[in-house]
Amino acid sequence: MQSTNPAFAGNPYARAGYADDTLLAGRSTTMTVQGTIGKTFVLFAILLTTAAWTWTQVDQRQLSGGLLMGALIGGFALSMITIFMPKISMYTAPLYAAAEGVFLGAISNIFEQRYPGIAAQAISLTMATMFTMLILYLTGLVKVTDRLITGIVAATGAVALVYIVSMLMSVFGHPVSFINQPTKLGIGFSLVVVGIAAFNLLLDFEFISRGARSGAPKYMEWYTAFGLMVTLVWLYLEILRLLSKLKER
C-alpha cells in the first residue's frame, strides 16, 4: 500500500513478518486495532504532558533555545531510529512523543502570545478532524480505494515539492511568499494542505487495519501508533499556521 507517511513507506509489514497468532502469558502475539488505539492514547498523553511543561517554561522565560533545538533534532533522530528499527518502537515511540511535546509546547506558546486562544483552537480542530476522518473511515462513507490512495499520495507530494522549492528559494533570498502570508492565496493554500493532511489520516487508518488483518507482530502496535502521531503532528502544525493567517488577516 502506498503511503506518504514516512513511517509507513517501504512496506514495513513485509519487513516485520507475521506473528504465529499464539498466546503468550494469556495475551495474543499479533497486532490488533484496539492495541494500536490504546498505544496511540499513551503517546498522546506523553506528548501533552511534555507540551504542558514546556508551555510553563516559556511563560516563565526559562526555556533555552538549546533545549528547543535539541527537542527538534532529537525528535527527528528518534523518528529515524524508529522507522529503521521498528522492533524497539515500544521504547523509541514514547521518547519521540516526549520530544515532540517539548517542541510543540514551545511553538504553541509563541503563537499564543501573538494570537490569544489560538493553541486551544488548534488542538480542538486537530482532534475534531481526527475523529471526523475516523468516523468517515469506519462507516465507509469514504472508502480507501487505490484511486483515492494515489490521489492523496500525489497531492501530498505536490505540497512537499512546494515546501522544498520555497526553502531553496529562501536560501537565495527569494522565498515563495504566499506560503506564509495572510493573503487569500496563502489562506487557500493552507486550507488545501490541512485537507490533504486530514485525508492522510485515512491512509493511516487503512494501514493500521491491514496490519491487524495480516497478523503483524504485537510490537507493530507501537510502531503504527507512532506513525499515526507523525501525521497528527503535521496536521496540528498546518492548522496552527492556517489559524494564524486567519487571525492576522
Protein backbone atom coordinates (compact mmCIF):
# COMPACT_ATOMS: atom_id res chain seq x y z
CA MET A 1 0.00 0.00 0.00
CA GLN A 2 1.28 3.45 -0.94
CA SER A 3 1.62 5.97 1.86
CA THR A 4 3.09 9.45 2.21
CA ASN A 5 3.75 8.83 5.89
CA PRO A 6 7.49 8.11 6.20
CA ALA A 7 6.73 5.57 8.93
CA PHE A 8 4.55 3.55 6.58
CA ALA A 9 6.66 3.78 3.44
CA GLY A 10 8.52 0.78 2.07
CA ASN A 11 6.06 -1.86 3.32
CA PRO A 12 7.16 -2.23 6.98
CA TYR A 13 4.78 -5.17 7.45
CA ALA A 14 6.79 -7.18 4.96
CA ARG A 15 9.94 -6.47 6.97
CA ALA A 16 8.19 -7.30 10.23
CA GLY A 17 6.89 -10.67 9.05
CA TYR A 18 3.97 -12.37 10.75
CA ALA A 19 3.19 -13.45 14.29
CA ASP A 20 2.21 -17.06 14.92
CA ASP A 21 -1.13 -15.99 16.48
CA THR A 22 -0.45 -17.85 19.72
CA LEU A 23 -0.99 -16.75 23.29
CA LEU A 24 1.97 -15.63 25.37
CA ALA A 25 1.18 -15.32 29.09
CA GLY A 26 -2.50 -15.27 28.16
CA ARG A 27 -2.08 -12.48 25.59
CA SER A 28 -2.14 -12.62 21.80
CA THR A 29 1.17 -12.08 20.00
CA THR A 30 -0.49 -10.45 17.00
CA MET A 31 -1.22 -6.79 16.39
CA THR A 32 -4.77 -5.53 16.93
CA VAL A 33 -6.53 -2.29 16.09
CA GLN A 34 -7.58 -1.90 19.73
CA GLY A 35 -3.98 -2.31 20.84
CA THR A 36 -2.84 0.40 18.43
CA ILE A 37 -5.58 2.75 19.66
CA GLY A 38 -4.50 2.21 23.27
CA LYS A 39 -0.87 2.90 22.50
CA THR A 40 -1.80 5.99 20.48
CA PHE A 41 -3.54 7.39 23.57
CA VAL A 42 -0.41 6.64 25.62
CA LEU A 43 1.79 8.53 23.15
CA PHE A 44 -0.70 11.39 23.00
CA ALA A 45 -0.75 11.64 26.81
CA ILE A 46 3.06 11.79 26.88
CA LEU A 47 3.08 14.50 24.22
CA LEU A 48 0.50 16.58 26.11
CA THR A 49 2.44 16.22 29.37
CA THR A 50 5.74 17.45 27.95
CA ALA A 51 3.97 20.15 25.92
CA ALA A 52 2.28 21.44 29.09
CA TRP A 53 5.64 21.53 30.88
CA THR A 54 7.27 23.43 28.02
CA TRP A 55 4.36 25.87 27.93
CA THR A 56 5.02 26.86 31.54
CA GLN A 57 8.74 27.25 30.86
CA VAL A 58 8.05 29.66 28.01
CA ASP A 59 5.71 31.65 30.25
CA GLN A 60 8.43 31.91 32.87
CA ARG A 61 11.10 32.56 30.20
CA GLN A 62 13.10 29.59 31.46
CA LEU A 63 13.17 27.64 28.20
CA SER A 64 16.55 27.78 26.49
CA GLY A 65 16.97 27.77 22.74
CA GLY A 66 19.26 24.79 23.13
CA LEU A 67 16.51 22.68 24.67
CA LEU A 68 14.09 23.61 21.91
CA MET A 69 16.60 22.83 19.18
CA GLY A 70 17.57 19.64 20.99
CA ALA A 71 13.93 18.53 21.09
CA LEU A 72 13.55 19.25 17.37
CA ILE A 73 16.71 17.36 16.40
CA GLY A 74 16.07 14.63 18.95
CA GLY A 75 12.53 14.08 17.69
CA PHE A 76 13.80 13.73 14.14
CA ALA A 77 16.58 11.34 15.19
CA LEU A 78 14.15 9.22 17.21
CA SER A 79 11.74 9.07 14.29
CA MET A 80 14.51 7.81 12.02
CA ILE A 81 15.61 5.20 14.56
CA THR A 82 12.02 4.04 14.95
CA ILE A 83 11.49 3.78 11.20
CA PHE A 84 14.64 1.74 10.67
CA MET A 85 14.26 -0.32 13.87
CA PRO A 86 10.52 -0.92 14.40
CA LYS A 87 11.16 -3.68 16.94
CA ILE A 88 12.31 -1.13 19.53
CA SER A 89 9.39 1.23 18.86
CA MET A 90 7.97 0.45 22.31
CA TYR A 91 10.93 2.44 23.67
CA THR A 92 11.59 4.99 20.93
CA ALA A 93 7.97 5.96 20.20
CA PRO A 94 7.33 7.33 23.74
CA LEU A 95 10.63 9.23 23.58
CA TYR A 96 9.60 10.65 20.21
CA ALA A 97 6.26 11.76 21.65
CA ALA A 98 8.05 13.43 24.58
CA ALA A 99 10.45 15.29 22.27
CA GLU A 100 7.63 16.44 20.00
CA GLY A 101 5.70 17.63 23.04
CA VAL A 102 8.60 19.85 24.11
CA PHE A 103 8.81 21.36 20.64
CA LEU A 104 5.07 21.77 20.07
CA GLY A 105 4.53 23.25 23.54
CA ALA A 106 7.06 25.99 22.85
CA ILE A 107 5.82 26.72 19.33
CA SER A 108 2.20 26.81 20.52
CA ASN A 109 3.02 29.27 23.29
CA ILE A 110 4.86 31.55 20.89
CA PHE A 111 1.78 31.63 18.64
CA GLU A 112 -0.46 32.07 21.69
CA GLN A 113 1.38 35.19 22.80
CA ARG A 114 0.68 36.80 19.44
CA TYR A 115 -2.80 35.35 18.85
CA PRO A 116 -4.50 34.61 22.21
CA GLY A 117 -6.63 31.49 22.14
CA ILE A 118 -5.04 30.02 19.02
CA ALA A 119 -3.48 26.98 20.74
CA ALA A 120 -6.77 25.73 22.19
CA GLN A 121 -8.45 26.25 18.84
CA ALA A 122 -5.71 24.34 17.01
CA ILE A 123 -5.85 21.43 19.44
CA SER A 124 -9.66 21.27 19.25
CA LEU A 125 -9.67 21.38 15.45
CA THR A 126 -6.96 18.71 15.23
CA MET A 127 -8.92 16.34 17.48
CA ALA A 128 -12.20 17.11 15.71
CA THR A 129 -10.57 16.44 12.34
CA MET A 130 -9.10 13.15 13.51
CA PHE A 131 -12.40 11.86 14.90
CA THR A 132 -14.31 13.06 11.83
CA MET A 133 -11.97 11.20 9.50
CA LEU A 134 -12.15 8.14 11.75
CA ILE A 135 -15.96 8.16 11.59
CA LEU A 136 -15.86 8.58 7.81
CA TYR A 137 -13.48 5.62 7.60
CA LEU A 138 -15.34 3.31 10.00
CA THR A 139 -18.76 3.99 8.47
CA GLY A 140 -17.46 3.51 4.95
CA LEU A 141 -18.68 6.93 3.83
CA VAL A 142 -15.20 7.40 2.40
CA LYS A 143 -13.68 4.21 1.06
CA VAL A 144 -9.91 3.98 0.80
CA THR A 145 -9.63 2.76 -2.76
CA ASP A 146 -6.48 2.52 -4.86
CA ARG A 147 -7.57 5.60 -6.77
CA LEU A 148 -8.03 7.60 -3.56
CA ILE A 149 -4.65 6.45 -2.24
CA THR A 150 -2.94 7.50 -5.48
CA GLY A 151 -4.65 10.90 -5.36
CA ILE A 152 -3.66 11.57 -1.75
CA VAL A 153 -0.07 10.49 -2.38
CA ALA A 154 0.16 12.73 -5.46
CA ALA A 155 -1.35 15.72 -3.65
CA THR A 156 0.95 15.28 -0.66
CA GLY A 157 3.93 15.02 -2.95
CA ALA A 158 2.93 18.27 -4.65
CA VAL A 159 2.72 20.05 -1.29
CA ALA A 160 6.11 18.68 -0.30
CA LEU A 161 7.54 19.94 -3.59
CA VAL A 162 6.17 23.44 -2.93
CA TYR A 163 7.76 23.49 0.52
CA ILE A 164 11.09 22.27 -0.84
CA VAL A 165 11.09 24.89 -3.61
CA SER A 166 10.21 27.56 -1.03
CA MET A 167 13.14 26.55 1.18
CA LEU A 168 15.54 26.56 -1.77
CA MET A 169 14.28 29.95 -2.92
CA SER A 170 14.69 31.30 0.62
CA VAL A 171 18.36 30.36 0.53
CA PHE A 172 18.76 32.69 -2.45
CA GLY A 173 16.69 35.45 -0.87
CA HIS A 174 13.53 34.89 -2.92
CA PRO A 175 11.08 32.87 -0.76
CA VAL A 176 7.68 31.79 -2.04
CA SER A 177 5.86 34.50 -0.13
CA PHE A 178 2.25 33.26 -0.34
CA ILE A 179 3.01 30.23 1.83
CA ASN A 180 3.31 32.30 4.99
CA GLN A 181 1.39 35.47 4.14
CA PRO A 182 -2.26 36.02 5.25
CA THR A 183 -3.46 36.70 1.72
CA LYS A 184 -6.39 34.93 0.08
CA LEU A 185 -3.92 32.78 -1.83
CA GLY A 186 -1.95 31.99 1.33
CA ILE A 187 -5.08 31.09 3.29
CA GLY A 188 -6.36 28.99 0.40
CA PHE A 189 -3.04 27.15 0.23
CA SER A 190 -3.18 26.38 3.95
CA LEU A 191 -6.76 25.14 3.65
CA VAL A 192 -5.70 22.75 0.90
CA VAL A 193 -2.72 21.50 2.93
CA VAL A 194 -4.88 20.94 6.02
CA GLY A 195 -7.33 18.98 3.88
CA ILE A 196 -4.55 16.83 2.43
CA ALA A 197 -3.14 16.18 5.91
CA ALA A 198 -6.62 15.16 7.09
CA PHE A 199 -7.02 12.71 4.21
CA ASN A 200 -3.64 11.24 5.06
CA LEU A 201 -5.27 10.07 8.29
CA LEU A 202 -7.47 7.80 6.15
CA LEU A 203 -4.35 6.17 4.74
CA ASP A 204 -3.02 5.69 8.27
CA PHE A 205 -6.28 4.09 9.44
CA GLU A 206 -6.28 1.75 6.44
CA PHE A 207 -2.63 0.87 7.02
CA ILE A 208 -3.33 0.01 10.66
CA SER A 209 -6.37 -2.05 9.69
CA ARG A 210 -4.42 -4.02 7.10
CA GLY A 211 -1.69 -4.75 9.63
CA ALA A 212 -4.19 -6.19 12.09
CA ARG A 213 -5.84 -8.30 9.38
CA SER A 214 -2.49 -9.63 8.15
CA GLY A 215 -1.36 -10.84 11.59
CA ALA A 216 1.54 -8.46 12.11
CA PRO A 217 3.63 -8.90 15.28
CA LYS A 218 2.48 -7.26 18.51
CA TYR A 219 5.26 -4.65 18.56
CA MET A 220 3.78 -3.13 15.39
CA GLU A 221 1.05 -1.63 17.58
CA TRP A 222 3.65 0.76 18.96
CA TYR A 223 5.06 1.37 15.52
CA THR A 224 1.72 2.15 13.86
CA ALA A 225 0.74 4.36 16.82
CA PHE A 226 3.99 6.25 16.23
CA GLY A 227 3.15 6.60 12.54
CA LEU A 228 -0.29 8.00 13.36
CA MET A 229 1.33 10.53 15.71
CA VAL A 230 3.58 11.72 12.87
CA THR A 231 0.52 12.62 10.79
CA LEU A 232 -1.25 14.25 13.74
CA VAL A 233 1.78 16.45 14.49
CA TRP A 234 1.85 17.57 10.86
CA LEU A 235 -1.90 18.23 10.87
CA TYR A 236 -1.66 20.29 14.08
CA LEU A 237 1.16 22.45 12.72
CA GLU A 238 -0.72 23.12 9.49
CA ILE A 239 -3.90 24.04 11.41
CA LEU A 240 -1.83 26.35 13.62
CA ARG A 241 -0.41 28.02 10.51
CA LEU A 242 -3.89 28.38 8.97
CA LEU A 243 -5.39 29.91 12.13
CA SER A 244 -2.52 32.37 12.43
CA LYS A 245 -3.17 33.58 8.86
CA LEU A 246 -6.87 33.99 9.55
CA LYS A 247 -6.21 35.94 12.76
CA GLU A 248 -3.58 38.09 11.05
CA ARG A 249 -5.97 38.94 8.25
